[in-house]
Amino acid sequence: QLVESGGGLVQPGGSLRLSCAASGFTFRMNWWMYWVRQAPGKGLEWVSNMFTGDGSTYYSDSVKGRFTISRDNANNTLYLQMNRLKQDDTAVYYCHGPFNSWGQGTRVTVSS
């Protein structure tokens, strides 16, 4: 099970940190974990992912240099630190993990 939190309303240029609390599996094993988003009226867009085995990270060009994916093994939680947010980052953000697990999503709105 995956449970996201941390979304909200933020002004352009601001920051938010999303969290994804995982249960039923442990980050101490080798899994691919993803952040995916869906903007209003659009399809799913891959944002970032991490291989928990070695901590390698990957980012879409649209967020590279602004977003950082990380994890806390002790708390089995995945994070997405989002800086210098833009209006184009407005979306529902989902955490996706093993066994085709998905969170319920957390809404991020970037607006002045």
Protein backbone atom coordinates (compact mmCIF):
# COMPACT_ATOMS: atom_id res chain seq x y z
CA GLN A 1 0.00 0.00 0.00
CA LEU A 2 1.18 3.50 -0.84
CA VAL A 3 -0.10 6.69 0.77
CA GLU A 4 0.95 10.09 -0.56
CA SER A 5 0.86 13.36 1.29
CA GLY A 6 2.30 16.85 1.09
CA GLY A 7 0.43 18.41 -1.79
CA GLY A 8 -1.14 21.83 -1.67
CA LEU A 9 -1.28 25.30 -3.16
CA VAL A 10 2.01 27.09 -3.72
CA GLN A 11 3.07 30.19 -5.61
CA PRO A 12 5.33 29.95 -8.65
CA GLY A 13 8.92 29.66 -7.53
CA GLY A 14 7.93 27.98 -4.28
CA SER A 15 8.69 24.53 -2.92
CA LEU A 16 6.83 21.48 -1.68
CA ARG A 17 7.90 18.07 -0.46
CA LEU A 18 5.73 15.09 -1.26
CA SER A 19 5.85 11.92 0.80
CA CYS A 20 4.86 8.38 -0.08
CA ALA A 21 4.56 6.01 2.87
CA ALA A 22 4.88 2.40 1.80
CA SER A 23 3.71 -0.75 3.53
CA GLY A 24 3.73 -4.39 2.54
CA PHE A 25 7.27 -4.30 1.21
CA THR A 26 10.57 -2.81 2.35
CA PHE A 27 12.83 -0.29 0.65
CA ARG A 28 15.77 -2.35 1.88
CA MET A 29 15.10 -4.71 -1.00
CA ASN A 30 15.48 -3.94 -4.69
CA TRP A 31 12.49 -2.17 -6.13
CA TRP A 32 11.76 0.51 -8.69
CA MET A 33 9.79 3.38 -7.19
CA TYR A 34 8.20 6.09 -9.31
CA TRP A 35 6.61 9.49 -9.08
CA VAL A 36 4.06 10.04 -11.84
CA ARG A 37 1.76 13.02 -12.33
CA GLN A 38 -1.41 13.85 -14.19
CA ALA A 39 -2.12 17.43 -15.12
CA PRO A 40 -5.74 18.56 -15.60
CA GLY A 41 -7.09 17.15 -18.83
CA LYS A 42 -3.89 15.28 -19.67
CA GLY A 43 -2.53 11.76 -19.38
CA LEU A 44 -0.05 10.31 -16.94
CA GLU A 45 3.46 11.71 -17.11
CA TRP A 46 6.53 10.07 -15.59
CA VAL A 47 8.36 12.51 -13.33
CA SER A 48 11.10 10.59 -11.56
CA ASN A 49 12.10 7.15 -10.37
CA MET A 50 14.56 5.46 -8.09
CA PHE A 51 16.04 2.00 -7.79
CA THR A 52 16.03 1.32 -4.06
CA GLY A 53 18.82 -1.24 -4.35
CA ASP A 54 21.53 1.26 -5.16
CA GLY A 55 19.71 4.57 -4.87
CA SER A 56 20.11 5.47 -8.53
CA THR A 57 17.72 8.20 -9.62
CA TYR A 58 16.23 9.39 -12.89
CA TYR A 59 14.29 12.49 -13.86
CA SER A 60 12.25 13.73 -16.76
CA ASP A 61 13.70 16.71 -18.59
CA SER A 62 10.82 18.86 -17.41
CA VAL A 63 11.83 18.53 -13.73
CA LYS A 64 15.56 17.81 -13.87
CA GLY A 65 17.48 20.24 -11.69
CA ARG A 66 14.36 21.29 -9.77
CA PHE A 67 13.01 18.05 -8.24
CA THR A 68 14.84 15.52 -6.10
CA ILE A 69 13.66 11.99 -5.34
CA SER A 70 14.88 10.35 -2.17
CA ARG A 71 13.92 7.67 0.31
CA ASP A 72 14.10 6.94 4.02
CA ASN A 73 14.66 3.22 4.54
CA ALA A 74 13.96 3.38 8.25
CA ASN A 75 10.49 4.81 7.66
CA ASN A 76 9.89 3.09 4.32
CA THR A 77 9.01 6.43 2.79
CA LEU A 78 9.72 7.90 -0.63
CA TYR A 79 9.99 11.64 -1.09
CA LEU A 80 9.86 14.15 -3.90
CA GLN A 81 11.36 17.52 -3.09
CA MET A 82 10.02 20.04 -5.59
CA ASN A 83 11.74 23.41 -5.89
CA ARG A 84 11.27 26.36 -8.22
CA LEU A 85 7.77 25.19 -8.99
CA LYS A 86 6.06 26.35 -12.17
CA GLN A 87 2.41 26.54 -13.14
CA ASP A 88 3.08 23.63 -15.51
CA ASP A 89 3.83 21.48 -12.46
CA THR A 90 0.17 21.67 -11.42
CA ALA A 91 -1.07 18.08 -11.31
CA VAL A 92 -2.08 15.18 -9.14
CA TYR A 93 1.09 13.37 -8.14
CA TYR A 94 1.08 9.61 -7.68
CA CYS A 95 3.55 7.24 -6.14
CA HIS A 96 3.94 3.89 -7.93
CA GLY A 97 5.78 0.87 -6.74
CA PRO A 98 6.08 -2.91 -6.87
CA PHE A 99 3.16 -5.29 -7.37
CA ASN A 100 1.55 -2.52 -9.47
CA SER A 101 0.86 -0.53 -6.31
CA TRP A 102 -0.40 3.02 -6.62
CA GLY A 103 -1.19 5.68 -4.08
CA GLN A 104 -4.36 7.71 -4.06
CA GLY A 105 -2.56 10.81 -5.32
CA THR A 106 -1.86 14.20 -3.84
CA ARG A 107 -2.82 17.42 -5.62
CA VAL A 108 -0.26 20.12 -6.29
CA THR A 109 -1.48 23.49 -7.52
CA VAL A 110 1.02 26.14 -8.53
CA SER A 111 -0.69 29.49 -8.87
CA SER A 112 -0.28 33.10 -7.90
